[in-house]
C-alpha atoms as a PDB file:
ATOM      1  CA  MET A   1     -38.279  20.566  74.026  1.00  0.00           C
ATOM      2  CA  ASN A   2     -37.396  22.685  77.042  1.00  0.00           C
ATOM      3  CA  TYR A   3     -40.257  23.760  79.358  1.00  0.00           C
ATOM      4  CA  ILE A   4     -40.123  26.996  81.339  1.00  0.00           C
ATOM      5  CA  PHE A   5     -42.814  27.593  83.988  1.00  0.00           C
ATOM      6  CA  LEU A   6     -43.595  31.064  85.341  1.00  0.00           C
ATOM      7  CA  PHE A   7     -45.729  31.206  88.522  1.00  0.00           C
ATOM      8  CA  ASN A   8     -47.805  34.056  89.874  1.00  0.00           C
ATOM      9  CA  SER A   9     -50.471  34.180  92.594  1.00  0.00           C
ATOM     10  CA  ASN A  10     -53.118  35.071  90.024  1.00  0.00           C
ATOM     11  CA  TYR A  11     -52.156  32.960  87.030  1.00  0.00           C
ATOM     12  CA  ILE A  12     -49.838  30.358  85.640  1.00  0.00           C
ATOM     13  CA  THR A  13     -48.197  30.744  82.245  1.00  0.00           C
ATOM     14  CA  MET A  14     -46.088  28.318  80.302  1.00  0.00           C
ATOM     15  CA  SER A  15     -43.798  28.898  77.341  1.00  0.00           C
ATOM     16  CA  ILE A  16     -42.022  26.310  75.227  1.00  0.00           C
ATOM     17  CA  LYS A  17     -38.546  26.885  73.885  1.00  0.00           C
ATOM     18  CA  ASP A  18     -36.468  24.844  71.466  1.00  0.00           C
ATOM     19  CA  LYS A  19     -33.536  23.443  73.457  1.00  0.00           C
ATOM     20  CA  ASN A  20     -31.381  23.466  70.281  1.00  0.00           C
ATOM     21  CA  PRO A  21     -31.941  26.946  68.803  1.00  0.00           C
ATOM     22  CA  LYS A  22     -30.329  27.635  65.432  1.00  0.00           C
ATOM     23  CA  ILE A  23     -27.510  30.171  65.526  1.00  0.00           C
ATOM     24  CA  ASP A  24     -27.290  32.763  62.763  1.00  0.00           C
ATOM     25  CA  ILE A  25     -24.037  34.738  62.670  1.00  0.00           C
ATOM     26  CA  ARG A  26     -25.984  37.741  61.351  1.00  0.00           C
ATOM     27  CA  ASN A  27     -27.743  37.984  64.708  1.00  0.00           C
ATOM     28  CA  GLU A  28     -24.526  37.699  66.719  1.00  0.00           C
ATOM     29  CA  VAL A  29     -22.127  40.350  65.367  1.00  0.00           C
ATOM     30  CA  ASN A  30     -22.379  43.890  64.061  1.00  0.00           C
ATOM     31  CA  GLU A  31     -23.452  44.088  60.429  1.00  0.00           C
ATOM     32  CA  GLU A  32     -20.304  45.909  59.315  1.00  0.00           C
ATOM     33  CA  LEU A  33     -18.125  42.967  60.414  1.00  0.00           C
ATOM     34  CA  LEU A  34     -19.860  40.794  57.794  1.00  0.00           C
ATOM     35  CA  LEU A  35     -19.411  43.147  54.831  1.00  0.00           C
ATOM     36  CA  ASN A  36     -16.630  40.942  53.414  1.00  0.00           C
ATOM     37  CA  PHE A  37     -18.782  37.791  53.634  1.00  0.00           C
ATOM     38  CA  SER A  38     -21.118  36.695  50.852  1.00  0.00           C
ATOM     39  CA  ASP A  39     -24.379  34.792  51.233  1.00  0.00           C
ATOM     40  CA  LYS A  40     -22.360  31.645  50.540  1.00  0.00           C
ATOM     41  CA  ASP A  41     -19.968  32.513  53.384  1.00  0.00           C
ATOM     42  CA  ILE A  42     -22.864  33.071  55.774  1.00  0.00           C
ATOM     43  CA  GLU A  43     -24.380  29.754  54.752  1.00  0.00           C
ATOM     44  CA  LEU A  44     -21.134  27.901  55.487  1.00  0.00           C
ATOM     45  CA  ILE A  45     -20.558  29.727  58.789  1.00  0.00           C
ATOM     46  CA  ASN A  46     -24.067  28.928  60.002  1.00  0.00           C
ATOM     47  CA  PHE A  47     -23.747  25.334  58.806  1.00  0.00           C
ATOM     48  CA  THR A  48     -20.671  24.829  60.995  1.00  0.00           C
ATOM     49  CA  LEU A  49     -22.080  26.738  63.962  1.00  0.00           C
ATOM     50  CA  ASN A  50     -25.116  24.449  64.049  1.00  0.00           C
ATOM     51  CA  LEU A  51     -23.370  21.202  63.111  1.00  0.00           C
ATOM     52  CA  ARG A  52     -22.179  20.074  66.533  1.00  0.00           C
ATOM     53  CA  LYS A  53     -21.714  21.094  70.152  1.00  0.00           C
ATOM     54  CA  TRP A  54     -18.715  23.371  70.653  1.00  0.00           C
ATOM     55  CA  LYS A  55     -16.399  23.535  73.638  1.00  0.00           C
ATOM     56  CA  PHE A  56     -17.511  25.967  76.319  1.00  0.00           C
ATOM     57  CA  GLY A  57     -14.722  28.276  77.476  1.00  0.00           C
ATOM     58  CA  TYR A  58     -12.518  27.578  74.428  1.00  0.00           C
ATOM     59  CA  ASP A  59     -11.728  29.316  71.141  1.00  0.00           C
ATOM     60  CA  ASN A  60     -13.584  27.263  68.537  1.00  0.00           C
ATOM     61  CA  PHE A  61     -12.335  27.773  64.983  1.00  0.00           C
ATOM     62  CA  ILE A  62     -15.477  27.938  62.816  1.00  0.00           C
ATOM     63  CA  TYR A  63     -14.662  29.252  59.341  1.00  0.00           C
ATOM     64  CA  LEU A  64     -11.766  30.177  57.053  1.00  0.00           C
ATOM     65  CA  LYS A  65     -12.096  32.364  53.967  1.00  0.00           C
ATOM     66  CA  ALA A  66      -9.008  32.856  51.774  1.00  0.00           C
ATOM     67  CA  ILE A  67      -8.795  35.135  48.731  1.00  0.00           C
ATOM     68  CA  HIS A  68      -5.610  34.782  46.649  1.00  0.00           C
ATOM     69  CA  ASN A  69      -4.794  37.396  44.024  1.00  0.00           C
ATOM     70  CA  ILE A  70      -1.806  36.344  41.889  1.00  0.00           C
ATOM     71  CA  LYS A  71      -0.074  39.129  39.989  1.00  0.00           C
ATOM     72  CA  ASN A  72       3.483  40.209  39.169  1.00  0.00           C
ATOM     73  CA  ASN A  73       4.806  36.796  40.348  1.00  0.00           C
ATOM     74  CA  LYS A  74       3.446  37.360  43.848  1.00  0.00           C
ATOM     75  CA  ASP A  75       0.430  36.177  45.797  1.00  0.00           C
ATOM     76  CA  TYR A  76      -1.589  38.825  47.610  1.00  0.00           C
ATOM     77  CA  ILE A  77      -3.794  37.176  50.221  1.00  0.00           C
ATOM     78  CA  LYS A  78      -6.789  38.176  52.309  1.00  0.00           C
ATOM     79  CA  LEU A  79      -7.598  35.784  55.156  1.00  0.00           C
ATOM     80  CA  TYR A  80     -10.709  35.785  57.331  1.00  0.00           C
ATOM     81  CA  TYR A  81     -11.160  33.580  60.408  1.00  0.00           C
ATOM     82  CA  VAL A  82     -14.389  33.272  62.392  1.00  0.00           C
ATOM     83  CA  VAL A  83     -13.828  32.227  66.024  1.00  0.00           C
ATOM     84  CA  PHE A  84     -16.597  31.209  68.434  1.00  0.00           C
ATOM     85  CA  SER A  85     -15.702  31.512  72.144  1.00  0.00           C
ATOM     86  CA  PRO A  86     -18.751  30.734  74.287  1.00  0.00           C
ATOM     87  CA  THR A  87     -18.122  31.747  77.897  1.00  0.00           C
ATOM     88  CA  LEU A  88     -19.894  33.506  80.748  1.00  0.00           C
ATOM     89  CA  TYR A  89     -16.987  35.364  82.302  1.00  0.00           C
ATOM     90  CA  GLY A  90     -14.500  36.235  79.569  1.00  0.00           C
ATOM     91  CA  LYS A  91     -11.215  34.532  78.785  1.00  0.00           C
ATOM     92  CA  ASP A  92      -7.661  35.119  79.890  1.00  0.00           C
ATOM     93  CA  ASP A  93      -5.808  32.423  77.968  1.00  0.00           C
ATOM     94  CA  MET A  94      -3.699  33.511  75.030  1.00  0.00           C
ATOM     95  CA  GLY A  95      -2.684  32.032  71.701  1.00  0.00           C
ATOM     96  CA  VAL A  96       1.085  32.146  71.327  1.00  0.00           C
ATOM     97  CA  GLY A  97       3.366  30.729  68.663  1.00  0.00           C
ATOM     98  CA  GLY A  98       4.823  30.964  65.199  1.00  0.00           C
ATOM     99  CA  TYR A  99       4.569  29.379  61.790  1.00  0.00           C
ATOM    100  CA  PHE A 100       7.895  28.451  60.249  1.00  0.00           C
ATOM    101  CA  GLY A 101       8.804  28.282  56.577  1.00  0.00           C
ATOM    102  CA  GLU A 102      11.774  26.754  54.768  1.00  0.00           C
ATOM    103  CA  ASP A 103      15.456  27.426  55.458  1.00  0.00           C
ATOM    104  CA  GLY A 104      14.615  30.180  57.907  1.00  0.00           C
ATOM    105  CA  GLN A 105      12.241  31.858  55.450  1.00  0.00           C
ATOM    106  CA  GLU A 106       8.632  32.652  56.275  1.00  0.00           C
ATOM    107  CA  LEU A 107       6.158  31.727  53.541  1.00  0.00           C
ATOM    108  CA  ILE A 108       4.040  34.868  53.761  1.00  0.00           C
ATOM    109  CA  ILE A 109       4.350  38.318  55.292  1.00  0.00           C
ATOM    110  CA  ILE A 110       1.455  39.830  57.227  1.00  0.00           C
ATOM    111  CA  LYS A 111       0.954  43.505  56.443  1.00  0.00           C
ATOM    112  CA  ASP A 112      -2.145  44.126  58.534  1.00  0.00           C
ATOM    113  CA  PHE A 113      -4.072  42.185  61.207  1.00  0.00           C
ATOM    114  CA  LYS A 114      -7.495  43.094  62.626  1.00  0.00           C
ATOM    115  CA  ILE A 115      -9.816  41.472  65.145  1.00  0.00           C
ATOM    116  CA  ASN A 116     -13.433  42.630  64.820  1.00  0.00           C
ATOM    117  CA  GLY A 117     -12.240  45.661  62.880  1.00  0.00           C
ATOM    118  CA  ILE A 118      -9.671  46.728  65.503  1.00  0.00           C
ATOM    119  CA  LYS A 119      -6.036  46.716  64.422  1.00  0.00           C
ATOM    120  CA  VAL A 120      -3.629  44.432  66.243  1.00  0.00           C
ATOM    121  CA  LYS A 121      -0.442  46.423  66.507  1.00  0.00           C
ATOM    122  CA  LYS A 122       2.840  45.157  65.147  1.00  0.00           C
ATOM    123  CA  GLY A 123       5.896  44.501  67.309  1.00  0.00           C
ATOM    124  CA  GLU A 124       6.312  43.464  70.946  1.00  0.00           C
ATOM    125  CA  GLU A 125       6.447  47.072  72.072  1.00  0.00           C
ATOM    126  CA  ALA A 126       2.776  47.390  71.077  1.00  0.00           C
ATOM    127  CA  GLU A 127       1.471  44.729  73.449  1.00  0.00           C
ATOM    128  CA  ASP A 128       0.332  47.211  76.097  1.00  0.00           C
ATOM    129  CA  ASN A 129      -1.115  49.658  73.584  1.00  0.00           C
ATOM    130  CA  LEU A 130      -3.927  47.604  72.116  1.00  0.00           C
ATOM    131  CA  GLU A 131      -7.394  48.992  72.826  1.00  0.00           C
ATOM    132  CA  ASN A 132      -8.232  46.659  75.712  1.00  0.00           C
ATOM    133  CA  ASN A 133     -11.758  47.995  76.083  1.00  0.00           C
ATOM    134  CA  PHE A 134     -12.562  46.098  72.899  1.00  0.00           C
ATOM    135  CA  GLY A 135     -11.737  42.819  74.608  1.00  0.00           C
ATOM    136  CA  TYR A 136      -8.451  41.992  72.862  1.00  0.00           C
ATOM    137  CA  TYR A 137      -4.846  41.947  73.883  1.00  0.00           C
ATOM    138  CA  GLY A 138      -1.674  41.166  72.014  1.00  0.00           C
ATOM    139  CA  TYR A 139       0.637  41.916  69.134  1.00  0.00           C
ATOM    140  CA  PHE A 140       2.107  40.226  66.074  1.00  0.00           C
ATOM    141  CA  THR A 141       5.443  40.213  64.291  1.00  0.00           C
ATOM    142  CA  SER A 142       5.895  39.295  60.641  1.00  0.00           C
ATOM    143  CA  ASP A 143       8.602  39.709  58.024  1.00  0.00           C
ATOM    144  CA  GLU A 144      10.699  37.506  55.721  1.00  0.00           C
ATOM    145  CA  TYR A 145      12.344  35.723  58.642  1.00  0.00           C
ATOM    146  CA  GLN A 146       9.931  35.712  61.577  1.00  0.00           C
ATOM    147  CA  HIS A 147       6.271  35.221  62.352  1.00  0.00           C
ATOM    148  CA  GLU A 148       4.599  35.262  65.742  1.00  0.00           C
ATOM    149  CA  PHE A 149       1.155  35.854  67.196  1.00  0.00           C
ATOM    150  CA  CYS A 150       0.523  36.742  70.808  1.00  0.00           C
ATOM    151  CA  HIS A 151      -3.154  37.467  71.345  1.00  0.00           C
ATOM    152  CA  THR A 152      -6.350  36.616  73.152  1.00  0.00           C
ATOM    153  CA  PHE A 153     -10.003  36.633  72.119  1.00  0.00           C
ATOM    154  CA  ARG A 154     -12.497  37.844  74.721  1.00  0.00           C
ATOM    155  CA  LYS A 155     -15.642  38.197  72.653  1.00  0.00           C
ATOM    156  CA  THR A 156     -18.164  35.450  71.946  1.00  0.00           C
ATOM    157  CA  PHE A 157     -17.496  35.903  68.229  1.00  0.00           C
ATOM    158  CA  SER A 158     -14.223  37.206  66.846  1.00  0.00           C
ATOM    159  CA  ILE A 159     -13.572  37.816  63.158  1.00  0.00           C
ATOM    160  CA  CYS A 160      -9.883  38.012  62.277  1.00  0.00           C
ATOM    161  CA  GLU A 161      -8.839  39.718  59.058  1.00  0.00           C
ATOM    162  CA  LEU A 162      -5.279  39.428  57.744  1.00  0.00           C
ATOM    163  CA  ASP A 163      -3.829  41.256  54.759  1.00  0.00           C
ATOM    164  CA  CYS A 164      -0.769  39.306  53.533  1.00  0.00           C
ATOM    165  CA  GLU A 165       1.626  38.812  50.636  1.00  0.00           C
ATOM    166  CA  SER A 166       3.938  36.000  49.606  1.00  0.00           C
ATOM    167  CA  ASN A 167       7.636  36.082  50.442  1.00  0.00           C
ATOM    168  CA  GLU A 168       9.647  36.725  47.272  1.00  0.00           C
ATOM    169  CA  ASN A 169      12.443  34.508  48.635  1.00  0.00           C
ATOM    170  CA  VAL A 170      10.203  31.399  48.548  1.00  0.00           C
ATOM    171  CA  ASN A 171       9.481  29.776  45.179  1.00  0.00           C
ATOM    172  CA  TYR A 172       5.917  28.673  45.911  1.00  0.00           C
ATOM    173  CA  PHE A 173       2.742  30.075  47.452  1.00  0.00           C
ATOM    174  CA  LEU A 174       1.298  28.731  50.713  1.00  0.00           C
ATOM    175  CA  LEU A 175      -2.326  27.676  50.298  1.00  0.00           C
ATOM    176  CA  ASN A 176      -3.286  25.783  53.453  1.00  0.00           C
ATOM    177  CA  PHE A 177      -3.916  28.352  56.194  1.00  0.00           C
ATOM    178  CA  THR A 178      -6.032  26.095  58.405  1.00  0.00           C
ATOM    179  CA  ASN A 179      -3.529  26.187  61.290  1.00  0.00           C
ATOM    180  CA  TYR A 180      -1.935  29.526  60.569  1.00  0.00           C
ATOM    181  CA  ILE A 181      -3.111  31.517  63.578  1.00  0.00           C
ATOM    182  CA  SER A 182      -1.699  29.947  66.730  1.00  0.00           C
ATOM    183  CA  GLY A 183      -4.297  28.385  68.976  1.00  0.00           C
ATOM    184  CA  LEU A 184      -6.790  27.730  66.170  1.00  0.00           C
ATOM    185  CA  ASN A 185      -6.887  24.106  65.017  1.00  0.00           C
ATOM    186  CA  PHE A 186      -8.749  22.837  61.972  1.00  0.00           C
ATOM    187  CA  ASP A 187     -11.110  20.227  63.385  1.00  0.00           C
ATOM    188  CA  PHE A 188     -14.173  18.233  62.361  1.00  0.00           C
ATOM    189  CA  GLY A 189     -17.006  20.376  61.013  1.00  0.00           C
ATOM    190  CA  ILE A 190     -14.958  23.494  60.285  1.00  0.00           C
ATOM    191  CA  SER A 191     -15.838  24.954  56.878  1.00  0.00           C
ATOM    192  CA  PHE A 192     -13.818  26.959  54.365  1.00  0.00           C
ATOM    193  CA  TYR A 193     -14.038  28.971  51.142  1.00  0.00           C
ATOM    194  CA  TYR A 194     -11.152  29.590  48.729  1.00  0.00           C
ATOM    195  CA  GLU A 195     -10.967  31.927  45.757  1.00  0.00           C
ATOM    196  CA  ILE A 196      -7.835  32.138  43.593  1.00  0.00           C
ATOM    197  CA  ILE A 197      -7.754  35.040  41.123  1.00  0.00           C
ATOM    198  CA  LEU A 198      -5.320  33.992  38.401  1.00  0.00           C
ATOM    199  CA  ASN A 199      -5.000  37.195  36.339  1.00  0.00           C
ATOM    200  CA  GLY A 200      -3.934  35.081  33.356  1.00  0.00           C
ATOM    201  CA  ASN A 201      -1.393  33.023  35.326  1.00  0.00           C
ATOM    202  CA  SER A 202      -1.220  29.223  35.351  1.00  0.00           C
ATOM    203  CA  ILE A 203      -0.593  27.269  38.538  1.00  0.00           C
ATOM    204  CA  LYS A 204      -0.148  23.714  39.754  1.00  0.00           C
ATOM    205  CA  PHE A 205      -1.102  22.371  43.172  1.00  0.00           C
ATOM    206  CA  SER A 206       1.059  20.245  45.454  1.00  0.00           C
ATOM    207  CA  ASN A 207      -1.760  17.695  45.559  1.00  0.00           C
ATOM    208  CA  LYS A 208      -1.649  16.244  42.054  1.00  0.00           C
ATOM    209  CA  ASN A 209      -5.012  14.541  42.611  1.00  0.00           C
ATOM    210  CA  PHE A 210      -6.813  17.757  43.542  1.00  0.00           C
ATOM    211  CA  LYS A 211      -9.828  18.347  41.306  1.00  0.00           C
ATOM    212  CA  TYR A 212     -10.716  21.916  40.326  1.00  0.00           C
ATOM    213  CA  GLN A 213     -12.165  24.058  37.563  1.00  0.00           C
ATOM    214  CA  ILE A 214     -11.144  27.443  36.178  1.00  0.00           C
ATOM    215  CA  LYS A 215     -14.064  29.773  35.540  1.00  0.00           C
ATOM    216  CA  ASN A 216     -13.751  33.445  34.593  1.00  0.00           C
ATOM    217  CA  ASP A 217     -10.009  33.266  35.358  1.00  0.00           C
ATOM    218  CA  LYS A 218     -10.710  32.095  38.926  1.00  0.00           C
ATOM    219  CA  ILE A 219     -10.482  28.858  40.884  1.00  0.00           C
ATOM    220  CA  ILE A 220     -13.128  28.551  43.606  1.00  0.00           C
ATOM    221  CA  PHE A 221     -13.619  25.665  46.024  1.00  0.00           C
ATOM    222  CA  ASP A 222     -15.257  25.236  49.426  1.00  0.00           C
ATOM    223  CA  GLY A 223     -16.271  22.531  51.873  1.00  0.00           C
ATOM    224  CA  TYR A 224     -15.773  21.332  55.420  1.00  0.00           C
ATOM    225  CA  LEU A 225     -13.741  18.755  57.323  1.00  0.00           C
ATOM    226  CA  ASP A 226     -16.103  15.794  57.563  1.00  0.00           C
ATOM    227  CA  ASP A 227     -16.113  12.981  60.113  1.00  0.00           C
ATOM    228  CA  TYR A 228     -14.108   9.803  59.614  1.00  0.00           C
ATOM    229  CA  ASP A 229     -15.258   7.730  56.644  1.00  0.00           C
ATOM    230  CA  GLU A 230     -13.704   4.292  56.188  1.00  0.00           C
ATOM    231  CA  GLN A 231     -14.180   4.136  52.420  1.00  0.00           C
ATOM    232  CA  LYS A 232     -12.807   7.635  51.827  1.00  0.00           C
ATOM    233  CA  TYR A 233      -9.884   6.847  54.129  1.00  0.00           C
ATOM    234  CA  ILE A 234      -8.970   3.822  51.993  1.00  0.00           C
ATOM    235  CA  GLU A 235      -9.280   5.863  48.791  1.00  0.00           C
ATOM    236  CA  ILE A 236      -6.989   8.598  50.084  1.00  0.00           C
ATOM    237  CA  ALA A 237      -4.491   6.113  51.533  1.00  0.00           C
ATOM    238  CA  LYS A 238      -4.158   4.381  48.171  1.00  0.00           C
ATOM    239  CA  LYS A 239      -3.108   7.687  46.593  1.00  0.00           C
ATOM    240  CA  THR A 240      -0.127   8.020  48.942  1.00  0.00           C
ATOM    241  CA  ASP A 241       3.387   6.710  48.288  1.00  0.00           C
ATOM    242  CA  ASN A 242       3.063   4.125  51.092  1.00  0.00           C
ATOM    243  CA  PRO A 243      -0.612   3.061  51.366  1.00  0.00           C
ATOM    244  CA  ASN A 244       0.079   0.198  53.789  1.00  0.00           C
ATOM    245  CA  ASP A 245       1.460   2.620  56.357  1.00  0.00           C
ATOM    246  CA  TYR A 246      -2.060   4.047  56.627  1.00  0.00           C
ATOM    247  CA  LEU A 247      -4.156   0.943  55.983  1.00  0.00           C
ATOM    248  CA  GLU A 248      -2.458  -1.140  58.693  1.00  0.00           C
ATOM    249  CA  LYS A 249      -3.078   1.361  61.497  1.00  0.00           C
ATOM    250  CA  SER A 250      -5.516   0.657  64.310  1.00  0.00           C
ATOM    251  CA  ASN A 251      -9.024   2.083  64.051  1.00  0.00           C
ATOM    252  CA  GLU A 252      -8.199   4.698  66.668  1.00  0.00           C
ATOM    253  CA  ASP A 253      -5.076   5.812  64.805  1.00  0.00           C
ATOM    254  CA  LYS A 254      -6.987   5.857  61.516  1.00  0.00           C
ATOM    255  CA  CYS A 255      -9.431   8.358  62.997  1.00  0.00           C
ATOM    256  CA  ILE A 256      -6.544  10.570  64.090  1.00  0.00           C
ATOM    257  CA  GLU A 257      -4.770  10.244  60.748  1.00  0.00           C
ATOM    258  CA  TRP A 258      -7.996  10.959  58.876  1.00  0.00           C
ATOM    259  CA  LYS A 259      -8.048  14.569  60.069  1.00  0.00           C
ATOM    260  CA  PHE A 260      -4.686  15.322  58.457  1.00  0.00           C
ATOM    261  CA  MET A 261      -5.192  13.215  55.338  1.00  0.00           C
ATOM    262  CA  ARG A 262      -8.650  14.592  54.641  1.00  0.00           C
ATOM    263  CA  LYS A 263      -7.540  18.180  55.232  1.00  0.00           C
ATOM    264  CA  ASP A 264      -4.759  17.807  52.647  1.00  0.00           C
ATOM    265  CA  ASP A 265      -7.256  16.181  50.304  1.00  0.00           C
ATOM    266  CA  LEU A 266      -9.614  19.167  50.625  1.00  0.00           C
ATOM    267  CA  ILE A 267      -7.027  21.978  50.594  1.00  0.00           C
ATOM    268  CA  PRO A 268      -3.631  21.503  48.915  1.00  0.00           C
ATOM    269  CA  TYR A 269      -0.666  22.625  50.973  1.00  0.00           C
ATOM    270  CA  LYS A 270       0.795  24.912  48.309  1.00  0.00           C
ATOM    271  CA  MET A 271       0.641  26.066  44.682  1.00  0.00           C
ATOM    272  CA  GLU A 272       3.297  27.093  42.164  1.00  0.00           C
ATOM    273  CA  LEU A 273       3.364  29.217  39.049  1.00  0.00           C
ATOM    274  CA  ILE A 274       3.972  27.319  35.790  1.00  0.00           C
END
């Protein structure tokens, strides 16, 4: 417990406060920013927020929600990222970078990008035109051949919303968006929710061992990136083409490798129509 003493010449009062208060995202952001999040989403967001101590002064990736709607041989995608940036004085660092596809082709095309309901403008010429009084700065570029983010988050909580579609020149659909926005890394404790609306289509995942169910023409799965587990590590390693490459690593390297292996075990990299 944390004790706070208040002194006055006439009396002394004492209040007791929990030093580890539970965070509820519903108390931290405007209600309208959570309209696209279900009770299940809120549960997962709060689970991650209260799971561990987060880095002060950094952008902490908390939650990913991905809705895939497959129709007319294309994948229409809605992505939501929750970012927690605890700081006293605001932030000036900026996420910069791109996400590259195959043979010069980008895997998806971003049609619209919002941070806390405010549109991030498209094209480098827009970088000085973003509404800076909302605490954001940047731009994005996205088409069949290029993809780049240049942005900063300056709010304690930022909710990114991306409206995307698959690139017709690529013969599969990207599924793993855990590192899609530059500067946000999928780390221990981060949770996710996926919904794939099939519309009568049949798909196969790149991870042939991925377990899933189809209910009401949808595939739904969720979870979080858990801490290193020796037994699970061995199980996943044995499913690879070269198990010994993973099993013979040092304990330190196993912990590093676990993050990537477990992520691919939880969320397949891609899916294809069959």
